[in-house]
Amino acid sequence: MRIDPDGNMELTAEENQDLMDQLDIPENEYDDPPVEIECVGVENEVATFKATNIKTGKSVQMVFDLMDEED
């Protein structure tokens, strides 16, 4: 996962597919998934996000290690 210069989250294809599977998003909704992502916190070089399927209310936590800007 990366955060682009505009502050948008960029997931790898594998991370994105895993998220869609965990939130039970059907394939026909992949182009505009009903997903809301919020930052829960950043602590000890780890960022935690909560992703929620806004149609079903199902949510998962996503945890990523912080990296230097050069990485």
PDB file of N, CA and C in Angstrom:
ATOM      1  N   MET A   1       0.846  -1.174   0.000  1.00  0.00           N
ATOM      2  CA  MET A   1       0.000   0.000   0.000  1.00  0.00           C
ATOM      3  C   MET A   1       0.881   1.223   0.000  1.00  0.00           C
ATOM      4  N   ARG A   2       0.447   2.225  -0.764  1.00  0.00           N
ATOM      5  CA  ARG A   2       1.125   3.522  -0.812  1.00  0.00           C
ATOM      6  C   ARG A   2       0.080   4.613  -0.694  1.00  0.00           C
ATOM      7  N   ILE A   3       0.515   5.766  -0.265  1.00  0.00           N
ATOM      8  CA  ILE A   3      -0.329   6.951  -0.285  1.00  0.00           C
ATOM      9  C   ILE A   3       0.248   7.867  -1.352  1.00  0.00           C
ATOM     10  N   ASP A   4      -0.568   8.233  -2.348  1.00  0.00           N
ATOM     11  CA  ASP A   4      -0.073   9.089  -3.426  1.00  0.00           C
ATOM     12  C   ASP A   4       0.049  10.540  -2.942  1.00  0.00           C
ATOM     13  N   PRO A   5       0.651  11.420  -3.762  1.00  0.00           N
ATOM     14  CA  PRO A   5       0.839  12.821  -3.348  1.00  0.00           C
ATOM     15  C   PRO A   5      -0.464  13.546  -2.998  1.00  0.00           C
ATOM     16  N   ASP A   6      -1.601  13.085  -3.516  1.00  0.00           N
ATOM     17  CA  ASP A   6      -2.894  13.703  -3.214  1.00  0.00           C
ATOM     18  C   ASP A   6      -3.539  13.116  -1.958  1.00  0.00           C
ATOM     19  N   GLY A   7      -2.861  12.147  -1.324  1.00  0.00           N
ATOM     20  CA  GLY A   7      -3.388  11.539  -0.105  1.00  0.00           C
ATOM     21  C   GLY A   7      -4.294  10.349  -0.346  1.00  0.00           C
ATOM     22  N   ASN A   8      -4.338   9.844  -1.570  1.00  0.00           N
ATOM     23  CA  ASN A   8      -5.176   8.688  -1.892  1.00  0.00           C
ATOM     24  C   ASN A   8      -4.419   7.392  -1.651  1.00  0.00           C
ATOM     25  N   MET A   9      -5.124   6.381  -1.124  1.00  0.00           N
ATOM     26  CA  MET A   9      -4.528   5.080  -0.876  1.00  0.00           C
ATOM     27  C   MET A   9      -4.432   4.309  -2.185  1.00  0.00           C
ATOM     28  N   GLU A  10      -3.241   3.749  -2.430  1.00  0.00           N
ATOM     29  CA  GLU A  10      -3.030   2.911  -3.608  1.00  0.00           C
ATOM     30  C   GLU A  10      -2.670   1.506  -3.132  1.00  0.00           C
ATOM     31  N   LEU A  11      -3.540   0.544  -3.404  1.00  0.00           N
ATOM     32  CA  LEU A  11      -3.297  -0.839  -3.035  1.00  0.00           C
ATOM     33  C   LEU A  11      -2.731  -1.595  -4.221  1.00  0.00           C
ATOM     34  N   THR A  12      -1.907  -2.607  -3.959  1.00  0.00           N
ATOM     35  CA  THR A  12      -1.462  -3.479  -5.036  1.00  0.00           C
ATOM     36  C   THR A  12      -2.676  -4.289  -5.496  1.00  0.00           C
ATOM     37  N   ALA A  13      -2.569  -4.922  -6.643  1.00  0.00           N
ATOM     38  CA  ALA A  13      -3.678  -5.750  -7.147  1.00  0.00           C
ATOM     39  C   ALA A  13      -4.012  -6.849  -6.150  1.00  0.00           C
ATOM     40  N   GLU A  14      -2.982  -7.441  -5.538  1.00  0.00           N
ATOM     41  CA  GLU A  14      -3.199  -8.513  -4.566  1.00  0.00           C
ATOM     42  C   GLU A  14      -3.888  -7.983  -3.305  1.00  0.00           C
ATOM     43  N   GLU A  15      -3.445  -6.829  -2.805  1.00  0.00           N
ATOM     44  CA  GLU A  15      -4.062  -6.232  -1.621  1.00  0.00           C
ATOM     45  C   GLU A  15      -5.516  -5.861  -1.897  1.00  0.00           C
ATOM     46  N   ASN A  16      -5.765  -5.321  -3.087  1.00  0.00           N
ATOM     47  CA  ASN A  16      -7.122  -4.931  -3.459  1.00  0.00           C
ATOM     48  C   ASN A  16      -8.043  -6.148  -3.538  1.00  0.00           C
ATOM     49  N   GLN A  17      -7.577  -7.220  -4.172  1.00  0.00           N
ATOM     50  CA  GLN A  17      -8.389  -8.430  -4.298  1.00  0.00           C
ATOM     51  C   GLN A  17      -8.669  -9.027  -2.922  1.00  0.00           C
ATOM     52  N   ASP A  18      -7.673  -9.040  -2.058  1.00  0.00           N
ATOM     53  CA  ASP A  18      -7.851  -9.556  -0.704  1.00  0.00           C
ATOM     54  C   ASP A  18      -8.902  -8.740   0.042  1.00  0.00           C
ATOM     55  N   LEU A  19      -8.857  -7.421  -0.105  1.00  0.00           N
ATOM     56  CA  LEU A  19      -9.836  -6.555   0.551  1.00  0.00           C
ATOM     57  C   LEU A  19     -11.249  -6.826   0.024  1.00  0.00           C
ATOM     58  N   MET A  20     -11.391  -6.944  -1.294  1.00  0.00           N
ATOM     59  CA  MET A  20     -12.709  -7.223  -1.886  1.00  0.00           C
ATOM     60  C   MET A  20     -13.254  -8.554  -1.357  1.00  0.00           C
ATOM     61  N   ASP A  21     -12.381  -9.552  -1.260  1.00  0.00           N
ATOM     62  CA  ASP A  21     -12.795 -10.864  -0.750  1.00  0.00           C
ATOM     63  C   ASP A  21     -13.212 -10.783   0.718  1.00  0.00           C
ATOM     64  N   GLN A  22     -12.416 -10.105   1.543  1.00  0.00           N
ATOM     65  CA  GLN A  22     -12.720 -10.005   2.966  1.00  0.00           C
ATOM     66  C   GLN A  22     -14.025  -9.261   3.223  1.00  0.00           C
ATOM     67  N   LEU A  23     -14.334  -8.270   2.384  1.00  0.00           N
ATOM     68  CA  LEU A  23     -15.547  -7.472   2.571  1.00  0.00           C
ATOM     69  C   LEU A  23     -16.747  -8.024   1.801  1.00  0.00           C
ATOM     70  N   ASP A  24     -16.563  -9.179   1.141  1.00  0.00           N
ATOM     71  CA  ASP A  24     -17.638  -9.811   0.363  1.00  0.00           C
ATOM     72  C   ASP A  24     -18.208  -8.879  -0.705  1.00  0.00           C
ATOM     73  N   ILE A  25     -17.323  -8.204  -1.420  1.00  0.00           N
ATOM     74  CA  ILE A  25     -17.742  -7.325  -2.522  1.00  0.00           C
ATOM     75  C   ILE A  25     -17.875  -8.179  -3.771  1.00  0.00           C
ATOM     76  N   PRO A  26     -19.041  -8.201  -4.401  1.00  0.00           N
ATOM     77  CA  PRO A  26     -19.203  -9.007  -5.613  1.00  0.00           C
ATOM     78  C   PRO A  26     -18.406  -8.400  -6.782  1.00  0.00           C
ATOM     79  N   GLU A  27     -17.972  -9.261  -7.673  1.00  0.00           N
ATOM     80  CA  GLU A  27     -17.140  -8.847  -8.802  1.00  0.00           C
ATOM     81  C   GLU A  27     -17.791  -7.756  -9.645  1.00  0.00           C
ATOM     82  N   ASN A  28     -19.119  -7.766  -9.763  1.00  0.00           N
ATOM     83  CA  ASN A  28     -19.791  -6.754 -10.583  1.00  0.00           C
ATOM     84  C   ASN A  28     -19.741  -5.357  -9.949  1.00  0.00           C
ATOM     85  N   GLU A  29     -19.237  -5.231  -8.701  1.00  0.00           N
ATOM     86  CA  GLU A  29     -19.103  -3.931  -8.051  1.00  0.00           C
ATOM     87  C   GLU A  29     -17.644  -3.477  -7.930  1.00  0.00           C
ATOM     88  N   TYR A  30     -16.716  -4.212  -8.543  1.00  0.00           N
ATOM     89  CA  TYR A  30     -15.297  -3.880  -8.435  1.00  0.00           C
ATOM     90  C   TYR A  30     -14.958  -2.500  -8.991  1.00  0.00           C
ATOM     91  N   ASP A  31     -15.632  -2.055 -10.058  1.00  0.00           N
ATOM     92  CA  ASP A  31     -15.310  -0.755 -10.653  1.00  0.00           C
ATOM     93  C   ASP A  31     -15.649   0.408  -9.730  1.00  0.00           C
ATOM     94  N   ASP A  32     -16.654   0.255  -8.902  1.00  0.00           N
ATOM     95  CA  ASP A  32     -17.057   1.298  -7.956  1.00  0.00           C
ATOM     96  C   ASP A  32     -17.505   0.616  -6.659  1.00  0.00           C
ATOM     97  N   PRO A  33     -16.537   0.051  -5.918  1.00  0.00           N
ATOM     98  CA  PRO A  33     -16.903  -0.731  -4.733  1.00  0.00           C
ATOM     99  C   PRO A  33     -17.483   0.142  -3.619  1.00  0.00           C
ATOM    100  N   PRO A  34     -18.479  -0.387  -2.902  1.00  0.00           N
ATOM    101  CA  PRO A  34     -19.090   0.346  -1.795  1.00  0.00           C
ATOM    102  C   PRO A  34     -18.230   0.237  -0.534  1.00  0.00           C
ATOM    103  N   VAL A  35     -17.018   0.797  -0.609  1.00  0.00           N
ATOM    104  CA  VAL A  35     -16.051   0.663   0.479  1.00  0.00           C
ATOM    105  C   VAL A  35     -15.648   2.041   0.984  1.00  0.00           C
ATOM    106  N   GLU A  36     -15.674   2.167   2.294  1.00  0.00           N
ATOM    107  CA  GLU A  36     -15.188   3.378   2.952  1.00  0.00           C
ATOM    108  C   GLU A  36     -13.958   2.988   3.754  1.00  0.00           C
ATOM    109  N   ILE A  37     -12.877   3.779   3.618  1.00  0.00           N
ATOM    110  CA  ILE A  37     -11.646   3.486   4.352  1.00  0.00           C
ATOM    111  C   ILE A  37     -11.299   4.695   5.203  1.00  0.00           C
ATOM    112  N   GLU A  38     -11.036   4.423   6.481  1.00  0.00           N
ATOM    113  CA  GLU A  38     -10.648   5.504   7.383  1.00  0.00           C
ATOM    114  C   GLU A  38      -9.389   5.114   8.145  1.00  0.00           C
ATOM    115  N   CYS A  39      -8.559   6.100   8.425  1.00  0.00           N
ATOM    116  CA  CYS A  39      -7.343   5.878   9.203  1.00  0.00           C
ATOM    117  C   CYS A  39      -7.735   5.805  10.678  1.00  0.00           C
ATOM    118  N   VAL A  40      -7.364   4.710  11.323  1.00  0.00           N
ATOM    119  CA  VAL A  40      -7.647   4.523  12.735  1.00  0.00           C
ATOM    120  C   VAL A  40      -6.526   5.131  13.571  1.00  0.00           C
ATOM    121  N   GLY A  41      -5.290   5.021  13.081  1.00  0.00           N
ATOM    122  CA  GLY A  41      -4.179   5.601  13.811  1.00  0.00           C
ATOM    123  C   GLY A  41      -2.840   5.202  13.249  1.00  0.00           C
ATOM    124  N   VAL A  42      -1.827   5.933  13.694  1.00  0.00           N
ATOM    125  CA  VAL A  42      -0.451   5.650  13.320  1.00  0.00           C
ATOM    126  C   VAL A  42       0.358   5.635  14.606  1.00  0.00           C
ATOM    127  N   GLU A  43       1.034   4.519  14.858  1.00  0.00           N
ATOM    128  CA  GLU A  43       1.806   4.380  16.082  1.00  0.00           C
ATOM    129  C   GLU A  43       2.953   3.416  15.852  1.00  0.00           C
ATOM    130  N   ASN A  44       4.122   3.774  16.353  1.00  0.00           N
ATOM    131  CA  ASN A  44       5.299   2.899  16.268  1.00  0.00           C
ATOM    132  C   ASN A  44       5.574   2.420  14.846  1.00  0.00           C
ATOM    133  N   GLU A  45       5.535   3.360  13.888  1.00  0.00           N
ATOM    134  CA  GLU A  45       5.844   3.053  12.485  1.00  0.00           C
ATOM    135  C   GLU A  45       4.842   2.096  11.842  1.00  0.00           C
ATOM    136  N   VAL A  46       3.610   2.036  12.380  1.00  0.00           N
ATOM    137  CA  VAL A  46       2.550   1.188  11.830  1.00  0.00           C
ATOM    138  C   VAL A  46       1.286   2.030  11.656  1.00  0.00           C
ATOM    139  N   ALA A  47       0.689   1.952  10.478  1.00  0.00           N
ATOM    140  CA  ALA A  47      -0.566   2.656  10.199  1.00  0.00           C
ATOM    141  C   ALA A  47      -1.696   1.630  10.149  1.00  0.00           C
ATOM    142  N   THR A  48      -2.794   1.944  10.840  1.00  0.00           N
ATOM    143  CA  THR A  48      -3.949   1.055  10.879  1.00  0.00           C
ATOM    144  C   THR A  48      -5.147   1.758  10.249  1.00  0.00           C
ATOM    145  N   PHE A  49      -5.816   1.052   9.351  1.00  0.00           N
ATOM    146  CA  PHE A  49      -6.985   1.574   8.657  1.00  0.00           C
ATOM    147  C   PHE A  49      -8.163   0.629   8.894  1.00  0.00           C
ATOM    148  N   LYS A  50      -9.362   1.176   8.847  1.00  0.00           N
ATOM    149  CA  LYS A  50     -10.585   0.378   8.923  1.00  0.00           C
ATOM    150  C   LYS A  50     -11.294   0.517   7.578  1.00  0.00           C
ATOM    151  N   ALA A  51     -11.546  -0.608   6.918  1.00  0.00           N
ATOM    152  CA  ALA A  51     -12.274  -0.632   5.655  1.00  0.00           C
ATOM    153  C   ALA A  51     -13.648  -1.228   5.913  1.00  0.00           C
ATOM    154  N   THR A  52     -14.690  -0.546   5.435  1.00  0.00           N
ATOM    155  CA  THR A  52     -16.066  -0.982   5.679  1.00  0.00           C
ATOM    156  C   THR A  52     -16.837  -1.094   4.375  1.00  0.00           C
ATOM    157  N   ASN A  53     -17.552  -2.203   4.215  1.00  0.00           N
ATOM    158  CA  ASN A  53     -18.499  -2.355   3.116  1.00  0.00           C
ATOM    159  C   ASN A  53     -19.734  -1.558   3.542  1.00  0.00           C
ATOM    160  N   ILE A  54     -19.989  -0.428   2.894  1.00  0.00           N
ATOM    161  CA  ILE A  54     -21.071   0.452   3.348  1.00  0.00           C
ATOM    162  C   ILE A  54     -22.455  -0.115   3.070  1.00  0.00           C
ATOM    163  N   LYS A  55     -22.542  -1.151   2.256  1.00  0.00           N
ATOM    164  CA  LYS A  55     -23.840  -1.793   2.018  1.00  0.00           C
ATOM    165  C   LYS A  55     -24.185  -2.793   3.115  1.00  0.00           C
ATOM    166  N   THR A  56     -23.171  -3.512   3.593  1.00  0.00           N
ATOM    167  CA  THR A  56     -23.432  -4.576   4.567  1.00  0.00           C
ATOM    168  C   THR A  56     -22.978  -4.224   5.982  1.00  0.00           C
ATOM    169  N   GLY A  57     -22.103  -3.245   6.106  1.00  0.00           N
ATOM    170  CA  GLY A  57     -21.565  -2.888   7.408  1.00  0.00           C
ATOM    171  C   GLY A  57     -20.382  -3.744   7.836  1.00  0.00           C
ATOM    172  N   LYS A  58     -20.040  -4.750   7.040  1.00  0.00           N
ATOM    173  CA  LYS A  58     -18.898  -5.602   7.370  1.00  0.00           C
ATOM    174  C   LYS A  58     -17.622  -4.772   7.284  1.00  0.00           C
ATOM    175  N   SER A  59     -16.728  -4.946   8.277  1.00  0.00           N
ATOM    176  CA  SER A  59     -15.490  -4.175   8.248  1.00  0.00           C
ATOM    177  C   SER A  59     -14.299  -5.053   8.607  1.00  0.00           C
ATOM    178  N   VAL A  60     -13.133  -4.612   8.172  1.00  0.00           N
ATOM    179  CA  VAL A  60     -11.869  -5.277   8.469  1.00  0.00           C
ATOM    180  C   VAL A  60     -10.832  -4.210   8.782  1.00  0.00           C
ATOM    181  N   GLN A  61      -9.819  -4.603   9.540  1.00  0.00           N
ATOM    182  CA  GLN A  61      -8.707  -3.700   9.793  1.00  0.00           C
ATOM    183  C   GLN A  61      -7.569  -4.056   8.863  1.00  0.00           C
ATOM    184  N   MET A  62      -6.905  -3.030   8.366  1.00  0.00           N
ATOM    185  CA  MET A  62      -5.743  -3.200   7.500  1.00  0.00           C
ATOM    186  C   MET A  62      -4.572  -2.540   8.219  1.00  0.00           C
ATOM    187  N   VAL A  63      -3.462  -3.258   8.355  1.00  0.00           N
ATOM    188  CA  VAL A  63      -2.307  -2.758   9.068  1.00  0.00           C
ATOM    189  C   VAL A  63      -1.106  -2.765   8.115  1.00  0.00           C
ATOM    190  N   PHE A  64      -0.441  -1.618   8.044  1.00  0.00           N
ATOM    191  CA  PHE A  64       0.714  -1.474   7.149  1.00  0.00           C
ATOM    192  C   PHE A  64       1.880  -0.861   7.897  1.00  0.00           C
ATOM    193  N   ASP A  65       3.079  -1.332   7.615  1.00  0.00           N
ATOM    194  CA  ASP A  65       4.299  -0.725   8.142  1.00  0.00           C
ATOM    195  C   ASP A  65       4.563   0.557   7.377  1.00  0.00           C
ATOM    196  N   LEU A  66       4.990   1.602   8.075  1.00  0.00           N
ATOM    197  CA  LEU A  66       5.349   2.849   7.423  1.00  0.00           C
ATOM    198  C   LEU A  66       6.729   2.695   6.788  1.00  0.00           C
ATOM    199  N   MET A  67       6.911   3.355   5.650  1.00  0.00           N
ATOM    200  CA  MET A  67       8.185   3.310   4.947  1.00  0.00           C
ATOM    201  C   MET A  67       8.672   4.722   4.712  1.00  0.00           C
ATOM    202  N   ASP A  68       9.968   4.875   4.492  1.00  0.00           N
ATOM    203  CA  ASP A  68      10.508   6.175   4.131  1.00  0.00           C
ATOM    204  C   ASP A  68       9.971   6.577   2.776  1.00  0.00           C
ATOM    205  N   GLU A  69       9.951   7.882   2.489  1.00  0.00           N
ATOM    206  CA  GLU A  69       9.416   8.360   1.229  1.00  0.00           C
ATOM    207  C   GLU A  69      10.186   7.828   0.025  1.00  0.00           C
ATOM    208  N   GLU A  70      11.462   7.486   0.186  1.00  0.00           N
ATOM    209  CA  GLU A  70      12.241   6.961  -0.942  1.00  0.00           C
ATOM    210  C   GLU A  70      11.850   5.549  -1.311  1.00  0.00           C
ATOM    211  N   ASP A  71      11.197   4.797  -0.410  1.00  0.00           N
ATOM    212  CA  ASP A  71      10.878   3.373  -0.648  1.00  0.00           C
ATOM    213  C   ASP A  71       9.801   3.196  -1.637  1.00  0.00           C
TER     214      ASP A  71
END
